[in-house]
Amino acid sequence: MSLLLVFVILMYYFLPLRKTRLNTMEEFFTNISRYPRYLITFTLGILLTLFSPLVPLFKRPTTAIAAVSFLVAAFVCLAFTLRAMLGLEVAPL
């Protein structure tokens, strides 16, 4: 008798229950709605990891000026490189 009871309990917990289509679709949309939150959290984590070593540089004015100058120069260099690689022209004013 106890072996049958153990078998029924195991079958109940380990066999998947039949799900209705509505229940499956609700789970699908719940799962899809989690992705934007994951993307924002992941992106903020990467940015925090990248910029946390730079925070001490901004405590003194001389290193802050040097750090800002370096970041601006890196951005300008990247912009000019991408323009040259993609063949983009600068719009006349």
N, C-alpha and C. Protein backbone atom coordinates (compact mmCIF):
# COMPACT_ATOMS: atom_id res chain seq x y z
N MET A 1 0.81 -1.20 0.00
CA MET A 1 0.00 0.00 0.00
C MET A 1 0.86 1.26 0.00
N SER A 2 1.90 1.28 0.78
CA SER A 2 2.73 2.47 0.86
C SER A 2 3.52 2.67 -0.44
N LEU A 3 3.88 1.60 -1.12
CA LEU A 3 4.58 1.73 -2.39
C LEU A 3 3.69 2.39 -3.44
N LEU A 4 2.42 2.03 -3.44
CA LEU A 4 1.48 2.65 -4.35
C LEU A 4 1.30 4.14 -4.03
N LEU A 5 1.25 4.46 -2.77
CA LEU A 5 1.13 5.86 -2.35
C LEU A 5 2.36 6.66 -2.78
N VAL A 6 3.55 6.10 -2.61
CA VAL A 6 4.77 6.77 -3.04
C VAL A 6 4.76 6.96 -4.55
N PHE A 7 4.31 5.97 -5.29
CA PHE A 7 4.25 6.07 -6.75
C PHE A 7 3.29 7.18 -7.18
N VAL A 8 2.12 7.26 -6.55
CA VAL A 8 1.15 8.29 -6.90
C VAL A 8 1.70 9.68 -6.58
N ILE A 9 2.36 9.83 -5.45
CA ILE A 9 2.94 11.12 -5.08
C ILE A 9 4.03 11.52 -6.07
N LEU A 10 4.88 10.58 -6.44
CA LEU A 10 5.94 10.88 -7.42
C LEU A 10 5.35 11.23 -8.77
N MET A 11 4.32 10.53 -9.19
CA MET A 11 3.69 10.84 -10.47
C MET A 11 3.04 12.22 -10.44
N TYR A 12 2.47 12.58 -9.31
CA TYR A 12 1.81 13.87 -9.19
C TYR A 12 2.82 15.01 -9.28
N TYR A 13 3.98 14.87 -8.64
CA TYR A 13 4.95 15.95 -8.61
C TYR A 13 5.87 16.00 -9.82
N PHE A 14 6.14 14.89 -10.45
CA PHE A 14 7.14 14.88 -11.51
C PHE A 14 6.55 14.85 -12.92
N LEU A 15 5.32 14.49 -13.08
CA LEU A 15 4.72 14.55 -14.41
C LEU A 15 4.15 15.94 -14.62
N PRO A 16 4.39 16.51 -15.80
CA PRO A 16 3.86 17.85 -16.04
C PRO A 16 2.33 17.81 -16.12
N LEU A 17 1.74 18.83 -15.56
CA LEU A 17 0.29 18.95 -15.63
C LEU A 17 -0.09 19.55 -16.97
N ARG A 18 -1.26 19.20 -17.44
CA ARG A 18 -1.73 19.79 -18.69
C ARG A 18 -2.07 21.24 -18.45
N LYS A 19 -1.57 22.07 -19.32
CA LYS A 19 -1.84 23.49 -19.19
C LYS A 19 -2.78 23.91 -20.30
N THR A 20 -3.63 24.84 -19.96
CA THR A 20 -4.51 25.36 -20.98
C THR A 20 -3.74 26.36 -21.82
N ARG A 21 -4.27 26.64 -22.98
CA ARG A 21 -3.61 27.60 -23.87
C ARG A 21 -3.56 28.99 -23.24
N LEU A 22 -4.60 29.38 -22.54
CA LEU A 22 -4.64 30.69 -21.90
C LEU A 22 -3.56 30.80 -20.83
N ASN A 23 -3.40 29.77 -20.03
CA ASN A 23 -2.39 29.79 -18.99
C ASN A 23 -0.99 29.87 -19.60
N THR A 24 -0.77 29.17 -20.69
CA THR A 24 0.53 29.19 -21.35
C THR A 24 0.81 30.57 -21.94
N MET A 25 -0.19 31.19 -22.53
CA MET A 25 0.00 32.53 -23.11
C MET A 25 0.25 33.57 -22.02
N GLU A 26 -0.41 33.44 -20.87
CA GLU A 26 -0.17 34.36 -19.77
C GLU A 26 1.27 34.24 -19.29
N GLU A 27 1.75 33.01 -19.19
CA GLU A 27 3.14 32.80 -18.78
C GLU A 27 4.09 33.36 -19.82
N PHE A 28 3.75 33.22 -21.10
CA PHE A 28 4.59 33.74 -22.16
C PHE A 28 4.72 35.25 -22.06
N PHE A 29 3.59 35.95 -21.91
CA PHE A 29 3.65 37.41 -21.82
C PHE A 29 4.29 37.88 -20.53
N THR A 30 4.14 37.13 -19.46
CA THR A 30 4.82 37.46 -18.21
C THR A 30 6.33 37.33 -18.40
N ASN A 31 6.74 36.30 -19.09
CA ASN A 31 8.16 36.09 -19.34
C ASN A 31 8.73 37.17 -20.25
N ILE A 32 7.99 37.54 -21.30
CA ILE A 32 8.44 38.58 -22.22
C ILE A 32 8.53 39.93 -21.53
N SER A 33 7.63 40.19 -20.59
CA SER A 33 7.64 41.49 -19.90
C SER A 33 8.84 41.63 -18.97
N ARG A 34 9.52 40.56 -18.68
CA ARG A 34 10.70 40.63 -17.81
C ARG A 34 11.95 41.07 -18.56
N TYR A 35 12.00 40.94 -19.86
CA TYR A 35 13.20 41.24 -20.63
C TYR A 35 13.64 42.70 -20.58
N PRO A 36 12.74 43.68 -20.71
CA PRO A 36 13.21 45.07 -20.60
C PRO A 36 13.84 45.38 -19.25
N ARG A 37 13.27 44.85 -18.18
CA ARG A 37 13.85 45.06 -16.86
C ARG A 37 15.24 44.42 -16.77
N TYR A 38 15.39 43.23 -17.36
CA TYR A 38 16.69 42.57 -17.38
C TYR A 38 17.69 43.40 -18.18
N LEU A 39 17.28 43.93 -19.33
CA LEU A 39 18.17 44.73 -20.17
C LEU A 39 18.63 45.99 -19.43
N ILE A 40 17.71 46.67 -18.75
CA ILE A 40 18.07 47.88 -18.02
C ILE A 40 19.03 47.54 -16.88
N THR A 41 18.74 46.48 -16.14
CA THR A 41 19.60 46.08 -15.03
C THR A 41 20.98 45.68 -15.51
N PHE A 42 21.04 44.93 -16.59
CA PHE A 42 22.31 44.49 -17.14
C PHE A 42 23.15 45.68 -17.62
N THR A 43 22.51 46.60 -18.33
CA THR A 43 23.20 47.78 -18.84
C THR A 43 23.72 48.66 -17.71
N LEU A 44 22.89 48.90 -16.70
CA LEU A 44 23.34 49.70 -15.57
C LEU A 44 24.49 49.03 -14.81
N GLY A 45 24.45 47.72 -14.72
CA GLY A 45 25.55 47.00 -14.07
C GLY A 45 26.86 47.15 -14.84
N ILE A 46 26.79 47.05 -16.16
CA ILE A 46 27.99 47.22 -16.98
C ILE A 46 28.54 48.64 -16.85
N LEU A 47 27.64 49.64 -16.92
CA LEU A 47 28.09 51.04 -16.81
C LEU A 47 28.69 51.32 -15.43
N LEU A 48 28.08 50.80 -14.39
CA LEU A 48 28.62 50.99 -13.05
C LEU A 48 29.99 50.35 -12.91
N THR A 49 30.15 49.17 -13.49
CA THR A 49 31.44 48.49 -13.43
C THR A 49 32.51 49.24 -14.21
N LEU A 50 32.13 49.82 -15.34
CA LEU A 50 33.10 50.54 -16.16
C LEU A 50 33.50 51.89 -15.57
N PHE A 51 32.53 52.60 -14.99
CA PHE A 51 32.80 53.96 -14.52
C PHE A 51 33.17 54.08 -13.05
N SER A 52 33.02 53.03 -12.27
CA SER A 52 33.38 53.12 -10.85
C SER A 52 34.88 53.36 -10.61
N PRO A 53 35.79 52.83 -11.44
CA PRO A 53 37.20 53.18 -11.23
C PRO A 53 37.52 54.63 -11.57
N LEU A 54 36.67 55.31 -12.35
CA LEU A 54 36.92 56.70 -12.73
C LEU A 54 36.46 57.71 -11.68
N VAL A 55 35.64 57.30 -10.74
CA VAL A 55 35.10 58.22 -9.74
C VAL A 55 36.20 58.90 -8.92
N PRO A 56 37.24 58.19 -8.46
CA PRO A 56 38.28 58.89 -7.69
C PRO A 56 39.03 59.96 -8.51
N LEU A 57 39.03 59.84 -9.83
CA LEU A 57 39.71 60.84 -10.65
C LEU A 57 39.01 62.19 -10.61
N PHE A 58 37.73 62.20 -10.32
CA PHE A 58 36.97 63.45 -10.33
C PHE A 58 36.98 64.17 -8.98
N LYS A 59 37.72 63.66 -8.03
CA LYS A 59 37.76 64.31 -6.71
C LYS A 59 38.73 65.48 -6.68
N ARG A 60 39.77 65.44 -7.50
CA ARG A 60 40.70 66.57 -7.58
C ARG A 60 40.49 67.28 -8.90
N PRO A 61 40.57 68.60 -8.91
CA PRO A 61 40.28 69.35 -10.15
C PRO A 61 41.23 69.05 -11.30
N THR A 62 42.50 68.85 -11.01
CA THR A 62 43.44 68.62 -12.11
C THR A 62 43.19 67.28 -12.79
N THR A 63 42.94 66.24 -12.01
CA THR A 63 42.66 64.95 -12.63
C THR A 63 41.27 64.94 -13.27
N ALA A 64 40.35 65.74 -12.73
CA ALA A 64 39.01 65.82 -13.34
C ALA A 64 39.08 66.45 -14.72
N ILE A 65 39.87 67.51 -14.85
CA ILE A 65 40.04 68.16 -16.16
C ILE A 65 40.70 67.20 -17.14
N ALA A 66 41.70 66.48 -16.68
CA ALA A 66 42.38 65.52 -17.55
C ALA A 66 41.44 64.38 -17.96
N ALA A 67 40.64 63.89 -17.02
CA ALA A 67 39.73 62.78 -17.32
C ALA A 67 38.64 63.21 -18.30
N VAL A 68 38.07 64.41 -18.09
CA VAL A 68 37.05 64.90 -19.01
C VAL A 68 37.64 65.15 -20.39
N SER A 69 38.84 65.71 -20.44
CA SER A 69 39.50 65.93 -21.73
C SER A 69 39.75 64.61 -22.45
N PHE A 70 40.18 63.61 -21.72
CA PHE A 70 40.42 62.30 -22.33
C PHE A 70 39.12 61.68 -22.85
N LEU A 71 38.04 61.77 -22.07
CA LEU A 71 36.76 61.21 -22.51
C LEU A 71 36.22 61.92 -23.75
N VAL A 72 36.35 63.25 -23.79
CA VAL A 72 35.90 64.01 -24.97
C VAL A 72 36.76 63.65 -26.18
N ALA A 73 38.06 63.56 -25.99
CA ALA A 73 38.95 63.20 -27.10
C ALA A 73 38.66 61.79 -27.61
N ALA A 74 38.38 60.87 -26.72
CA ALA A 74 38.06 59.50 -27.13
C ALA A 74 36.76 59.48 -27.92
N PHE A 75 35.76 60.25 -27.48
CA PHE A 75 34.49 60.31 -28.20
C PHE A 75 34.65 60.93 -29.58
N VAL A 76 35.43 62.01 -29.68
CA VAL A 76 35.65 62.66 -30.97
C VAL A 76 36.41 61.74 -31.91
N CYS A 77 37.41 61.05 -31.39
CA CYS A 77 38.18 60.10 -32.20
C CYS A 77 37.28 58.98 -32.72
N LEU A 78 36.42 58.47 -31.86
CA LEU A 78 35.48 57.42 -32.27
C LEU A 78 34.52 57.94 -33.33
N ALA A 79 34.03 59.16 -33.16
CA ALA A 79 33.09 59.73 -34.13
C ALA A 79 33.76 59.92 -35.49
N PHE A 80 34.98 60.47 -35.50
CA PHE A 80 35.68 60.65 -36.78
C PHE A 80 36.01 59.32 -37.43
N THR A 81 36.40 58.33 -36.65
CA THR A 81 36.71 57.01 -37.21
C THR A 81 35.48 56.38 -37.84
N LEU A 82 34.34 56.45 -37.14
CA LEU A 82 33.11 55.87 -37.69
C LEU A 82 32.64 56.61 -38.93
N ARG A 83 32.77 57.93 -38.94
CA ARG A 83 32.40 58.69 -40.14
C ARG A 83 33.27 58.29 -41.33
N ALA A 84 34.56 58.13 -41.09
CA ALA A 84 35.46 57.74 -42.20
C ALA A 84 35.16 56.32 -42.66
N MET A 85 34.89 55.42 -41.74
CA MET A 85 34.62 54.03 -42.10
C MET A 85 33.30 53.89 -42.86
N LEU A 86 32.31 54.67 -42.47
CA LEU A 86 30.98 54.56 -43.09
C LEU A 86 30.81 55.49 -44.28
N GLY A 87 31.78 56.36 -44.53
CA GLY A 87 31.73 57.27 -45.66
C GLY A 87 30.69 58.36 -45.50
N LEU A 88 30.47 58.80 -44.27
CA LEU A 88 29.48 59.86 -44.02
C LEU A 88 30.13 61.23 -44.20
N GLU A 89 29.37 62.15 -44.75
CA GLU A 89 29.83 63.50 -44.95
C GLU A 89 29.30 64.40 -43.81
N VAL A 90 30.05 65.41 -43.47
CA VAL A 90 29.59 66.36 -42.47
C VAL A 90 28.63 67.32 -43.15
N ALA A 91 27.46 67.51 -42.57
CA ALA A 91 26.44 68.37 -43.17
C ALA A 91 26.89 69.83 -43.08
N PRO A 92 26.79 70.58 -44.19
CA PRO A 92 27.16 72.00 -44.14
C PRO A 92 26.17 72.78 -43.31
N LEU A 93 26.66 73.81 -42.66
CA LEU A 93 25.80 74.63 -41.81
C LEU A 93 25.04 75.64 -42.60
